[in-house]
């Protein structure tokens, strides 16, 4: 059985008492590649072509038969052509034999880089799916529609509906004259002096007060009014009110 390639190189170098750094300087091959050949870790070399070139240069530097070592490398490490007979039973392939001798070293640096790249590609793909909603344009359209509906509902909740009628409540603090009608030229629906709260409802209400010593709410909202002995006239419509000039007030 021939001596393994790596053992042949190492024994020749040690027999000649040559340090690995001397071979590196002589052959211009980096020390890590020289050690890889001695350990038969050819997968750490940058490709089969470089491996054969480095092996020839190293063998010649040690005075070994480079052709014989190259033939052994091809037989053990290069892919077999179709139709080539398989190895005899019990005869290990080059890499299998190396694995048994060195206890199954972990995969080389190249394999680790490939694994890292694959993991990175998978992570980027997952992130892309999450960012796109996992459903393409349909998912995006559905999300946009839902957001539009949400904004529409929020806008309607934030802005109360405009009332269609006026609910007026007048609470005098002292007996006060008041007259109420439903618009210019209409018949008054209330006229008199009162000291008790009065309530009125309608689409349009006009109020004439003898004094402003009253509290007024329209549709539950307080109507600012300075209390005092002066008369006042107010025109109420749903959601709004305004002063009535003297001479146009109800019962004037």
Protein backbone atom coordinates (compact mmCIF):
# COMPACT_ATOMS: atom_id res chain seq x y z
CA UNK A 1 0.00 0.00 0.00
CA UNK A 2 1.59 3.37 -1.05
CA UNK A 3 2.47 5.95 1.57
CA UNK A 4 -0.18 8.70 1.76
CA UNK A 5 0.68 11.92 -0.08
CA UNK A 6 0.76 14.06 3.05
CA UNK A 7 3.01 11.64 4.94
CA UNK A 8 5.37 11.49 1.94
CA UNK A 9 5.72 15.29 1.89
CA UNK A 10 6.10 15.67 5.66
CA UNK A 11 8.63 12.85 6.04
CA UNK A 12 10.74 14.18 3.16
CA UNK A 13 10.80 17.68 4.64
CA UNK A 14 11.65 16.48 8.13
CA UNK A 15 14.27 14.06 6.82
CA UNK A 16 15.98 17.00 5.14
CA UNK A 17 15.52 19.12 8.31
CA UNK A 18 13.75 21.88 6.42
CA UNK A 19 11.39 24.21 8.30
CA UNK A 20 8.00 24.96 6.77
CA UNK A 21 8.92 28.66 6.55
CA UNK A 22 11.93 27.79 4.38
CA UNK A 23 9.70 25.90 1.96
CA UNK A 24 7.28 28.84 1.95
CA UNK A 25 10.09 31.23 0.97
CA UNK A 26 11.42 28.84 -1.66
CA UNK A 27 8.14 27.89 -3.34
CA UNK A 28 6.21 31.13 -2.70
CA UNK A 29 3.35 28.93 -1.42
CA UNK A 30 1.77 30.11 1.80
CA UNK A 31 2.58 28.04 4.86
CA UNK A 32 -1.09 27.24 5.54
CA UNK A 33 -1.39 25.60 2.11
CA UNK A 34 1.83 23.62 2.67
CA UNK A 35 0.45 22.31 5.97
CA UNK A 36 -2.89 21.55 4.30
CA UNK A 37 -1.08 19.33 1.75
CA UNK A 38 0.85 17.58 4.49
CA UNK A 39 -2.44 16.94 6.32
CA UNK A 40 -4.16 16.01 3.03
CA UNK A 41 -6.73 18.76 3.59
CA UNK A 42 -6.90 19.53 -0.10
CA UNK A 43 -10.34 21.07 0.27
CA UNK A 44 -8.62 24.05 1.99
CA UNK A 45 -6.72 24.81 -1.21
CA UNK A 46 -8.28 27.17 -3.77
CA UNK A 47 -9.47 24.55 -6.25
CA UNK A 48 -8.18 21.36 -7.85
CA UNK A 49 -5.98 23.18 -10.40
CA UNK A 50 -4.15 25.09 -7.67
CA UNK A 51 -3.89 21.94 -5.56
CA UNK A 52 -2.08 20.05 -8.37
CA UNK A 53 0.16 23.04 -9.12
CA UNK A 54 1.08 23.48 -5.43
CA UNK A 55 1.65 19.73 -5.04
CA UNK A 56 4.01 19.62 -8.06
CA UNK A 57 5.97 22.65 -6.82
CA UNK A 58 6.24 21.28 -3.26
CA UNK A 59 7.31 17.83 -4.44
CA UNK A 60 9.99 19.24 -6.76
CA UNK A 61 11.30 21.49 -3.96
CA UNK A 62 11.78 18.38 -1.80
CA UNK A 63 13.31 16.37 -4.63
CA UNK A 64 10.35 13.93 -4.80
CA UNK A 65 8.74 12.30 -7.84
CA UNK A 66 6.10 14.95 -8.62
CA UNK A 67 4.48 12.82 -11.36
CA UNK A 68 3.87 9.92 -8.97
CA UNK A 69 2.34 12.19 -6.30
CA UNK A 70 0.12 13.86 -8.89
CA UNK A 71 -1.10 10.46 -10.12
CA UNK A 72 -1.95 9.50 -6.55
CA UNK A 73 -3.78 12.84 -6.05
CA UNK A 74 -5.85 12.30 -9.20
CA UNK A 75 -6.72 8.76 -8.18
CA UNK A 76 -7.76 9.72 -4.69
CA UNK A 77 -9.25 13.22 -4.94
CA UNK A 78 -10.41 13.98 -8.47
CA UNK A 79 -13.87 12.82 -9.65
CA UNK A 80 -13.92 9.54 -11.55
CA UNK A 81 -14.92 9.46 -15.19
CA UNK A 82 -18.02 7.50 -16.19
CA UNK A 83 -17.32 3.86 -16.70
CA UNK A 84 -14.29 3.82 -14.43
CA UNK A 85 -14.20 0.77 -12.20
CA UNK A 86 -14.98 1.41 -8.53
CA UNK A 87 -12.26 0.74 -5.98
CA UNK A 88 -11.73 -2.83 -4.83
CA UNK A 89 -13.69 -3.99 -1.82
CA UNK A 90 -11.97 -2.99 1.37
CA UNK A 91 -9.80 -0.38 -0.37
CA UNK A 92 -10.78 3.09 0.99
CA UNK A 93 -11.03 6.12 -1.22
CA UNK A 94 -8.49 8.85 -0.61
CA UNK A 95 -10.80 11.13 1.33
CA UNK A 96 -12.33 8.28 3.36
CA UNK A 97 -8.85 7.11 4.31
CA UNK A 98 -7.87 10.63 5.30
CA UNK A 99 -11.01 10.98 7.44
CA UNK A 100 -10.19 7.77 9.33
CA UNK A 101 -6.59 8.83 9.90
CA UNK A 102 -7.43 12.30 11.21
CA UNK A 103 -10.59 11.50 13.17
CA UNK A 104 -13.11 13.36 10.98
CA UNK A 105 -12.05 17.00 11.14
CA UNK A 106 -14.82 19.61 10.94
CA UNK A 107 -15.69 20.96 7.47
CA UNK A 108 -13.30 23.44 5.91
CA UNK A 109 -13.57 27.22 5.92
CA UNK A 110 -15.21 27.21 2.49
CA UNK A 111 -18.12 25.09 3.71
CA UNK A 112 -18.64 27.39 6.70
CA UNK A 113 -18.79 30.46 4.40
CA UNK A 114 -21.36 28.77 2.17
CA UNK A 115 -23.51 27.93 5.22
CA UNK A 116 -23.37 31.54 6.46
CA UNK A 117 -24.39 32.87 3.02
CA UNK A 118 -27.34 30.46 2.84
CA UNK A 119 -28.56 31.51 6.30
CA UNK A 120 -28.30 35.19 5.32
CA UNK A 121 -30.32 34.60 2.14
CA UNK A 122 -33.05 32.80 4.11
CA UNK A 123 -33.23 35.57 6.72
CA UNK A 124 -33.52 38.27 4.03
CA UNK A 125 -36.27 36.32 2.29
CA UNK A 126 -38.27 36.01 5.53
CA UNK A 127 -37.86 39.74 6.26
CA UNK A 128 -39.05 40.55 2.73
CA UNK A 129 -42.18 38.44 3.20
CA UNK A 130 -42.95 40.08 6.54
CA UNK A 131 -42.50 43.61 5.15
CA UNK A 132 -44.75 42.88 2.18
CA UNK A 133 -47.49 41.49 4.43
CA UNK A 134 -46.93 37.99 3.03
CA UNK A 135 -49.59 38.45 0.38
CA UNK A 136 -48.37 40.69 -2.44
CA UNK A 137 -50.58 43.40 -3.88
CA UNK A 138 -53.80 41.88 -2.52
CA UNK A 139 -52.50 42.14 1.05
CA UNK A 140 -51.41 45.74 0.48
CA UNK A 141 -54.76 46.71 -1.01
CA UNK A 142 -56.62 45.07 1.87
CA UNK A 143 -54.48 46.92 4.42
CA UNK A 144 -55.01 50.26 2.67
CA UNK A 145 -58.78 49.72 2.56
CA UNK A 146 -58.90 48.86 6.25
CA UNK A 147 -56.84 51.95 7.15
CA UNK A 148 -59.20 54.16 5.08
CA UNK A 149 -62.24 52.70 6.88
CA UNK A 150 -60.62 53.28 10.27
CA UNK A 151 -59.85 56.93 9.46
CA UNK A 152 -63.40 57.42 8.17
CA UNK A 153 -64.91 56.06 11.40
CA UNK A 154 -62.58 58.14 13.55
CA UNK A 155 -63.49 61.29 11.62
CA UNK A 156 -67.19 60.64 12.12
CA UNK A 157 -66.76 59.88 15.81
CA UNK A 158 -64.74 63.05 16.37
CA UNK A 159 -67.30 65.32 14.68
CA UNK A 160 -70.81 65.12 16.21
CA UNK A 161 -73.79 65.30 13.86
CA UNK A 162 -75.37 68.73 13.32
CA UNK A 163 -78.74 68.91 15.15
CA UNK A 164 -81.88 69.36 13.07
CA UNK A 165 -83.99 70.95 15.84
CA UNK A 166 -83.52 73.44 18.64
CA UNK A 167 -84.16 72.42 22.25
CA UNK A 168 -84.27 75.64 24.24
CA UNK A 169 -84.43 75.92 28.05
CA UNK A 170 -84.67 79.28 29.79
CA UNK A 171 -84.24 79.54 33.58
CA UNK A 172 -84.92 83.04 35.03
CA UNK A 173 -83.06 84.10 38.18
CA UNK A 174 -85.76 86.76 38.78
CA UNK A 175 -89.25 87.13 37.24
CA UNK A 176 -88.63 88.13 33.61
CA UNK A 177 -90.75 89.00 30.58
CA UNK A 178 -90.22 86.71 27.60
CA UNK A 179 -91.83 86.16 24.23
CA UNK A 180 -91.05 83.20 21.94
CA UNK A 181 -92.14 82.57 18.31
CA UNK A 182 -91.04 80.29 15.46
CA UNK A 183 -89.87 82.96 13.03
CA UNK A 184 -90.50 86.48 11.77
CA UNK A 185 -94.24 87.07 11.27
CA UNK A 186 -95.33 83.89 13.16
CA UNK A 187 -97.72 83.79 16.10
CA UNK A 188 -95.95 83.77 19.51
CA UNK A 189 -95.98 80.37 21.24
CA UNK A 190 -95.28 81.96 24.63
CA UNK A 191 -95.64 85.47 26.01
CA UNK A 192 -95.61 86.62 29.63
CA UNK A 193 -93.63 87.28 32.81
CA UNK A 194 -92.27 84.18 34.50
CA UNK A 195 -89.84 83.20 37.24
CA UNK A 196 -89.92 79.45 36.48
CA UNK A 197 -87.88 77.53 33.87
CA UNK A 198 -89.43 77.28 30.42
CA UNK A 199 -88.61 74.81 27.62
CA UNK A 200 -89.31 75.14 23.87
CA UNK A 201 -88.61 72.93 20.83
CA UNK A 202 -88.63 73.60 17.09
CA UNK A 203 -86.60 74.04 13.93
CA UNK A 204 -86.50 77.83 14.41
CA UNK A 205 -87.09 79.73 17.65
CA UNK A 206 -86.84 83.44 18.38
CA UNK A 207 -86.62 84.80 21.92
CA UNK A 208 -87.36 88.28 23.25
CA UNK A 209 -86.27 88.91 26.86
CA UNK A 210 -87.21 91.84 29.09
CA UNK A 211 -84.08 91.20 31.19
CA UNK A 212 -80.94 89.12 30.71
CA UNK A 213 -81.09 87.78 34.28
CA UNK A 214 -81.64 84.24 32.92
CA UNK A 215 -79.67 81.10 32.15
CA UNK A 216 -80.14 79.71 28.63
CA UNK A 217 -79.12 76.34 27.12
CA UNK A 218 -79.65 75.41 23.48
CA UNK A 219 -79.40 71.68 22.73
CA UNK A 220 -77.69 71.24 26.09
CA UNK A 221 -75.02 73.91 25.45
CA UNK A 222 -74.81 77.05 27.57
CA UNK A 223 -75.55 80.29 25.72
CA UNK A 224 -73.29 83.10 27.00
CA UNK A 225 -75.36 86.01 28.29
CA UNK A 226 -74.41 88.80 30.66
CA UNK A 227 -77.04 89.00 33.47
CA UNK A 228 -78.65 92.39 33.86
CA UNK A 229 -81.79 94.53 33.50
CA UNK A 230 -81.33 95.18 29.77
CA UNK A 231 -83.60 93.51 27.16
CA UNK A 232 -82.24 91.13 24.53
CA UNK A 233 -83.37 89.28 21.44
CA UNK A 234 -81.85 85.99 20.20
CA UNK A 235 -82.58 83.97 17.03
CA UNK A 236 -81.97 80.20 17.46
CA UNK A 237 -81.50 77.68 14.65
CA UNK A 238 -80.04 74.12 14.85
CA UNK A 239 -76.41 74.45 15.90
CA UNK A 240 -76.28 78.28 15.83
CA UNK A 241 -77.76 81.48 17.27
CA UNK A 242 -77.49 85.23 16.71
CA UNK A 243 -78.76 88.53 18.15
CA UNK A 244 -82.06 90.05 16.87
CA UNK A 245 -82.00 93.80 16.29
CA UNK A 246 -84.42 96.00 18.25
CA UNK A 247 -87.71 96.38 16.34
CA UNK A 248 -87.48 92.85 14.84
CA UNK A 249 -87.86 90.91 18.09
CA UNK A 250 -90.98 88.82 18.84
CA UNK A 251 -93.91 90.76 20.31
CA UNK A 252 -92.05 94.03 19.69
